[in-house]
Amino acid sequence: MSWKKVKWSEAGQIAEMLDSEADLGEDARAKPKDYFIKLREQEKLNDATFFLGQALPRFETVAWAARAVRDLRESPLKPGPDADALKATLLWVQDPSDLRRRAAFDAANRVKNASAERLVALAAFFSGGSITPADVAPVPAPREAAGRFSAGAVLLAAIATKDMTAALNKALDAGSDMADQGAGAA
């Protein structure tokens, strides 16, 4: 069975987005879902996270990461810049307008560390649209940026838990469901 939301037909296409030095060999022609499963079976969870971040369409990758960052927290997020960045991202997921995308960027810039919340807000900003100020000639976001920021956010959220492996597997399960069913799956 293939992931319905993933538009790539071969794992090698996604690996190219990752600038992967690794030669996938015969796996380059594998269906993305099959290669993702293989990575997980080999316990290459970091690789599976970045692979999924690129495999998903940009909206879905941000939605996946935002929900993972929110759901993997073991204690409530204290009010402040991190909470604001996550809230701005979740609001963008509800209404992916340019105004909310830019609000996520502004919130990310108020975070002083490389937190999961900051990275997921940057993922929202780099998901599409121009990365220049609204009154300047548009410059599109790099195609792979949202997936990289999203995967990084998921990894940071998992690292902050008591059991990183279990947390990462939970996030990867949710992301795989999203790849099959879309953003409403999580």
C-alpha atoms as a PDB file:
ATOM      1  CA  MET A   1       0.000   0.000   0.000  1.00  0.00           C
ATOM      2  CA  SER A   2       1.273   3.497  -0.854  1.00  0.00           C
ATOM      3  CA  TRP A   3       0.912   6.711   1.069  1.00  0.00           C
ATOM      4  CA  LYS A   4      -1.975   8.572  -0.566  1.00  0.00           C
ATOM      5  CA  LYS A   5      -0.739  12.072   0.293  1.00  0.00           C
ATOM      6  CA  VAL A   6       2.852  11.527  -0.852  1.00  0.00           C
ATOM      7  CA  LYS A   7       3.380  12.616  -4.450  1.00  0.00           C
ATOM      8  CA  TRP A   8       6.835  11.068  -4.829  1.00  0.00           C
ATOM      9  CA  SER A   9       6.932   7.663  -6.516  1.00  0.00           C
ATOM     10  CA  GLU A  10      10.448   6.566  -5.519  1.00  0.00           C
ATOM     11  CA  ALA A  11      12.498   6.816  -2.319  1.00  0.00           C
ATOM     12  CA  GLY A  12      15.455   8.128  -4.315  1.00  0.00           C
ATOM     13  CA  GLN A  13      13.514  11.271  -5.248  1.00  0.00           C
ATOM     14  CA  ILE A  14      13.081  12.081  -1.571  1.00  0.00           C
ATOM     15  CA  ALA A  15      16.706  11.233  -0.779  1.00  0.00           C
ATOM     16  CA  GLU A  16      17.751  13.819  -3.387  1.00  0.00           C
ATOM     17  CA  MET A  17      15.798  16.449  -1.447  1.00  0.00           C
ATOM     18  CA  LEU A  18      17.800  15.485   1.619  1.00  0.00           C
ATOM     19  CA  ASP A  19      21.104  15.892  -0.232  1.00  0.00           C
ATOM     20  CA  SER A  20      21.796  12.412   0.999  1.00  0.00           C
ATOM     21  CA  GLU A  21      25.316  11.218   0.336  1.00  0.00           C
ATOM     22  CA  ALA A  22      24.154   7.653   0.831  1.00  0.00           C
ATOM     23  CA  ASP A  23      23.589   5.602  -2.292  1.00  0.00           C
ATOM     24  CA  LEU A  24      20.217   3.960  -1.787  1.00  0.00           C
ATOM     25  CA  GLY A  25      21.101   1.292  -4.349  1.00  0.00           C
ATOM     26  CA  GLU A  26      18.044  -0.756  -5.258  1.00  0.00           C
ATOM     27  CA  ASP A  27      16.115   1.049  -2.532  1.00  0.00           C
ATOM     28  CA  ALA A  28      16.218   4.218  -4.655  1.00  0.00           C
ATOM     29  CA  ARG A  29      13.365   2.757  -6.709  1.00  0.00           C
ATOM     30  CA  ALA A  30      11.394   1.574  -3.668  1.00  0.00           C
ATOM     31  CA  LYS A  31       8.054   3.117  -2.868  1.00  0.00           C
ATOM     32  CA  PRO A  32       8.525   5.846  -0.262  1.00  0.00           C
ATOM     33  CA  LYS A  33       6.401   4.064   2.337  1.00  0.00           C
ATOM     34  CA  ASP A  34       8.335   0.825   1.881  1.00  0.00           C
ATOM     35  CA  TYR A  35      11.668   2.593   2.315  1.00  0.00           C
ATOM     36  CA  PHE A  36      10.345   4.433   5.400  1.00  0.00           C
ATOM     37  CA  ILE A  37       9.287   1.103   6.911  1.00  0.00           C
ATOM     38  CA  LYS A  38      12.738  -0.316   6.162  1.00  0.00           C
ATOM     39  CA  LEU A  39      14.426   2.612   7.914  1.00  0.00           C
ATOM     40  CA  ARG A  40      12.278   2.038  10.975  1.00  0.00           C
ATOM     41  CA  GLU A  41      12.920  -1.711  10.958  1.00  0.00           C
ATOM     42  CA  GLN A  42      16.652  -0.935  10.882  1.00  0.00           C
ATOM     43  CA  GLU A  43      16.079   1.450  13.821  1.00  0.00           C
ATOM     44  CA  LYS A  44      17.314   4.418  11.797  1.00  0.00           C
ATOM     45  CA  LEU A  45      14.716   6.655  13.397  1.00  0.00           C
ATOM     46  CA  ASN A  46      16.516   9.949  12.769  1.00  0.00           C
ATOM     47  CA  ASP A  47      16.807   9.078   9.070  1.00  0.00           C
ATOM     48  CA  ALA A  48      13.144   8.024   9.013  1.00  0.00           C
ATOM     49  CA  THR A  49      12.157  11.356  10.571  1.00  0.00           C
ATOM     50  CA  PHE A  50      13.999  13.423   7.966  1.00  0.00           C
ATOM     51  CA  PHE A  51      12.767  11.143   5.176  1.00  0.00           C
ATOM     52  CA  LEU A  52       9.150  11.580   6.291  1.00  0.00           C
ATOM     53  CA  GLY A  53       9.643  15.329   6.669  1.00  0.00           C
ATOM     54  CA  GLN A  54      10.531  15.511   2.967  1.00  0.00           C
ATOM     55  CA  ALA A  55       8.057  12.881   1.782  1.00  0.00           C
ATOM     56  CA  LEU A  56       5.011  14.698   3.121  1.00  0.00           C
ATOM     57  CA  PRO A  57       3.620  17.702   1.276  1.00  0.00           C
ATOM     58  CA  ARG A  58       4.664  20.936   2.970  1.00  0.00           C
ATOM     59  CA  PHE A  59       1.357  21.640   4.712  1.00  0.00           C
ATOM     60  CA  GLU A  60       1.171  18.095   6.056  1.00  0.00           C
ATOM     61  CA  THR A  61       4.782  18.093   7.242  1.00  0.00           C
ATOM     62  CA  VAL A  62       4.186  21.246   9.275  1.00  0.00           C
ATOM     63  CA  ALA A  63       0.883  19.929  10.646  1.00  0.00           C
ATOM     64  CA  TRP A  64       2.599  16.663  11.615  1.00  0.00           C
ATOM     65  CA  ALA A  65       5.487  18.419  13.332  1.00  0.00           C
ATOM     66  CA  ALA A  66       3.284  20.940  15.156  1.00  0.00           C
ATOM     67  CA  ARG A  67       1.097  18.193  16.548  1.00  0.00           C
ATOM     68  CA  ALA A  68       4.127  16.097  17.494  1.00  0.00           C
ATOM     69  CA  VAL A  69       5.750  19.025  19.306  1.00  0.00           C
ATOM     70  CA  ARG A  70       2.488  19.651  21.156  1.00  0.00           C
ATOM     71  CA  ASP A  71       1.679  16.008  21.914  1.00  0.00           C
ATOM     72  CA  LEU A  72       5.138  14.780  22.915  1.00  0.00           C
ATOM     73  CA  ARG A  73       5.479  17.310  25.736  1.00  0.00           C
ATOM     74  CA  GLU A  74       5.576  15.607  29.109  1.00  0.00           C
ATOM     75  CA  SER A  75       4.844  18.790  31.044  1.00  0.00           C
ATOM     76  CA  PRO A  76       2.799  21.851  30.163  1.00  0.00           C
ATOM     77  CA  LEU A  77       4.572  24.494  28.128  1.00  0.00           C
ATOM     78  CA  LYS A  78       5.090  27.636  30.208  1.00  0.00           C
ATOM     79  CA  PRO A  79       3.816  30.925  28.805  1.00  0.00           C
ATOM     80  CA  GLY A  80       6.473  32.723  26.809  1.00  0.00           C
ATOM     81  CA  PRO A  81       8.126  32.820  23.400  1.00  0.00           C
ATOM     82  CA  ASP A  82       8.179  29.019  22.897  1.00  0.00           C
ATOM     83  CA  ALA A  83       4.460  28.742  23.698  1.00  0.00           C
ATOM     84  CA  ASP A  84       3.742  31.684  21.402  1.00  0.00           C
ATOM     85  CA  ALA A  85       5.677  30.062  18.549  1.00  0.00           C
ATOM     86  CA  LEU A  86       3.804  26.784  18.901  1.00  0.00           C
ATOM     87  CA  LYS A  87       0.459  28.576  19.161  1.00  0.00           C
ATOM     88  CA  ALA A  88       1.219  30.629  16.045  1.00  0.00           C
ATOM     89  CA  THR A  89       2.065  27.446  14.156  1.00  0.00           C
ATOM     90  CA  LEU A  90      -1.070  25.624  15.284  1.00  0.00           C
ATOM     91  CA  LEU A  91      -3.137  28.656  14.255  1.00  0.00           C
ATOM     92  CA  TRP A  92      -1.455  28.540  10.838  1.00  0.00           C
ATOM     93  CA  VAL A  93      -2.362  24.839  10.559  1.00  0.00           C
ATOM     94  CA  GLN A  94      -6.003  25.790  11.207  1.00  0.00           C
ATOM     95  CA  ASP A  95      -5.851  28.615   8.647  1.00  0.00           C
ATOM     96  CA  PRO A  96      -2.756  28.506   6.408  1.00  0.00           C
ATOM     97  CA  SER A  97      -2.969  32.143   5.352  1.00  0.00           C
ATOM     98  CA  ASP A  98       0.029  34.294   4.547  1.00  0.00           C
ATOM     99  CA  LEU A  99      -0.771  36.510   7.539  1.00  0.00           C
ATOM    100  CA  ARG A 100      -0.579  33.533   9.909  1.00  0.00           C
ATOM    101  CA  ARG A 101       2.520  32.182   8.166  1.00  0.00           C
ATOM    102  CA  ARG A 102       4.283  35.485   8.778  1.00  0.00           C
ATOM    103  CA  ALA A 103       2.997  35.578  12.372  1.00  0.00           C
ATOM    104  CA  ALA A 104       4.643  32.191  12.926  1.00  0.00           C
ATOM    105  CA  PHE A 105       7.913  33.639  11.608  1.00  0.00           C
ATOM    106  CA  ASP A 106       7.658  36.635  13.926  1.00  0.00           C
ATOM    107  CA  ALA A 107       6.966  34.306  16.875  1.00  0.00           C
ATOM    108  CA  ALA A 108       9.930  32.097  15.911  1.00  0.00           C
ATOM    109  CA  ASN A 109      12.205  35.134  15.894  1.00  0.00           C
ATOM    110  CA  ARG A 110      11.257  35.958  19.482  1.00  0.00           C
ATOM    111  CA  VAL A 111      12.513  32.543  20.663  1.00  0.00           C
ATOM    112  CA  LYS A 112      16.127  32.826  21.762  1.00  0.00           C
ATOM    113  CA  ASN A 113      17.119  29.137  21.539  1.00  0.00           C
ATOM    114  CA  ALA A 114      16.823  26.316  19.010  1.00  0.00           C
ATOM    115  CA  SER A 115      13.701  24.808  20.522  1.00  0.00           C
ATOM    116  CA  ALA A 116      11.262  22.434  18.858  1.00  0.00           C
ATOM    117  CA  GLU A 117       8.661  25.199  19.024  1.00  0.00           C
ATOM    118  CA  ARG A 118      10.944  27.645  17.208  1.00  0.00           C
ATOM    119  CA  LEU A 119      11.799  25.123  14.499  1.00  0.00           C
ATOM    120  CA  VAL A 120       8.177  24.211  13.831  1.00  0.00           C
ATOM    121  CA  ALA A 121       7.230  27.888  13.548  1.00  0.00           C
ATOM    122  CA  LEU A 122      10.053  28.308  11.026  1.00  0.00           C
ATOM    123  CA  ALA A 123       8.704  25.269   9.175  1.00  0.00           C
ATOM    124  CA  ALA A 124       5.363  27.028   8.829  1.00  0.00           C
ATOM    125  CA  PHE A 125       7.034  30.158   7.489  1.00  0.00           C
ATOM    126  CA  PHE A 126       9.156  28.241   4.983  1.00  0.00           C
ATOM    127  CA  SER A 127       6.210  26.085   3.841  1.00  0.00           C
ATOM    128  CA  GLY A 128       5.425  28.316   0.894  1.00  0.00           C
ATOM    129  CA  GLY A 129       4.957  31.880  -0.149  1.00  0.00           C
ATOM    130  CA  SER A 130       7.672  34.490  -0.215  1.00  0.00           C
ATOM    131  CA  ILE A 131      10.387  34.623   2.427  1.00  0.00           C
ATOM    132  CA  THR A 132      10.987  38.325   1.851  1.00  0.00           C
ATOM    133  CA  PRO A 133       9.009  41.059   3.583  1.00  0.00           C
ATOM    134  CA  ALA A 134       5.564  41.607   2.086  1.00  0.00           C
ATOM    135  CA  ASP A 135       6.587  44.892   0.424  1.00  0.00           C
ATOM    136  CA  VAL A 136       9.629  43.428  -1.378  1.00  0.00           C
ATOM    137  CA  ALA A 137       9.811  41.370  -4.571  1.00  0.00           C
ATOM    138  CA  PRO A 138       8.845  37.783  -3.710  1.00  0.00           C
ATOM    139  CA  VAL A 139      11.457  35.080  -3.181  1.00  0.00           C
ATOM    140  CA  PRO A 140      10.084  31.552  -2.805  1.00  0.00           C
ATOM    141  CA  ALA A 141      11.060  29.409   0.138  1.00  0.00           C
ATOM    142  CA  PRO A 142      13.491  26.599  -0.664  1.00  0.00           C
ATOM    143  CA  ARG A 143      11.457  23.500  -1.424  1.00  0.00           C
ATOM    144  CA  GLU A 144      13.108  21.332   1.230  1.00  0.00           C
ATOM    145  CA  ALA A 145      13.132  23.903   4.071  1.00  0.00           C
ATOM    146  CA  ALA A 146       9.742  23.103   5.634  1.00  0.00           C
ATOM    147  CA  GLY A 147      10.537  19.393   5.772  1.00  0.00           C
ATOM    148  CA  ARG A 148      13.955  19.960   7.331  1.00  0.00           C
ATOM    149  CA  PHE A 149      12.626  22.334   9.981  1.00  0.00           C
ATOM    150  CA  SER A 150       9.697  19.995  10.683  1.00  0.00           C
ATOM    151  CA  ALA A 151      11.904  16.932  11.108  1.00  0.00           C
ATOM    152  CA  GLY A 152      14.268  18.887  13.333  1.00  0.00           C
ATOM    153  CA  ALA A 153      11.351  20.017  15.489  1.00  0.00           C
ATOM    154  CA  VAL A 154      10.090  16.447  15.871  1.00  0.00           C
ATOM    155  CA  LEU A 155      13.559  15.214  16.840  1.00  0.00           C
ATOM    156  CA  LEU A 156      14.030  17.982  19.415  1.00  0.00           C
ATOM    157  CA  ALA A 157      10.605  17.267  20.884  1.00  0.00           C
ATOM    158  CA  ALA A 158      11.444  13.565  21.160  1.00  0.00           C
ATOM    159  CA  ILE A 159      14.850  14.251  22.722  1.00  0.00           C
ATOM    160  CA  ALA A 160      13.145  16.249  25.480  1.00  0.00           C
ATOM    161  CA  THR A 161      11.146  13.192  26.615  1.00  0.00           C
ATOM    162  CA  LYS A 162      12.107  10.440  29.058  1.00  0.00           C
ATOM    163  CA  ASP A 163      12.071   7.843  26.265  1.00  0.00           C
ATOM    164  CA  MET A 164      13.226   9.340  22.986  1.00  0.00           C
ATOM    165  CA  THR A 165      12.759   6.108  21.031  1.00  0.00           C
ATOM    166  CA  ALA A 166       9.161   5.640  22.147  1.00  0.00           C
ATOM    167  CA  ALA A 167       8.381   9.318  21.519  1.00  0.00           C
ATOM    168  CA  LEU A 168       9.934   9.240  18.070  1.00  0.00           C
ATOM    169  CA  ASN A 169       8.079   6.063  17.147  1.00  0.00           C
ATOM    170  CA  LYS A 170       4.815   7.676  18.293  1.00  0.00           C
ATOM    171  CA  ALA A 171       5.528  10.710  16.108  1.00  0.00           C
ATOM    172  CA  LEU A 172       6.530   8.541  13.143  1.00  0.00           C
ATOM    173  CA  ASP A 173       3.326   6.516  13.468  1.00  0.00           C
ATOM    174  CA  ALA A 174       1.284   9.735  13.424  1.00  0.00           C
ATOM    175  CA  GLY A 175       3.258  11.040  10.442  1.00  0.00           C
ATOM    176  CA  SER A 176       2.780   7.814   8.520  1.00  0.00           C
ATOM    177  CA  ASP A 177      -0.958   8.013   9.206  1.00  0.00           C
ATOM    178  CA  MET A 178      -0.918  11.581   7.914  1.00  0.00           C
ATOM    179  CA  ALA A 179       0.942  10.451   4.785  1.00  0.00           C
ATOM    180  CA  ASP A 180      -1.848   7.980   4.169  1.00  0.00           C
ATOM    181  CA  GLN A 181      -4.868  10.033   5.192  1.00  0.00           C
ATOM    182  CA  GLY A 182      -3.851  13.696   5.212  1.00  0.00           C
ATOM    183  CA  ALA A 183      -3.734  16.367   7.894  1.00  0.00           C
ATOM    184  CA  GLY A 184      -7.032  15.279   9.432  1.00  0.00           C
ATOM    185  CA  ALA A 185      -5.443  11.969  10.513  1.00  0.00           C
ATOM    186  CA  ALA A 186      -3.500  13.300  13.483  1.00  0.00           C
END
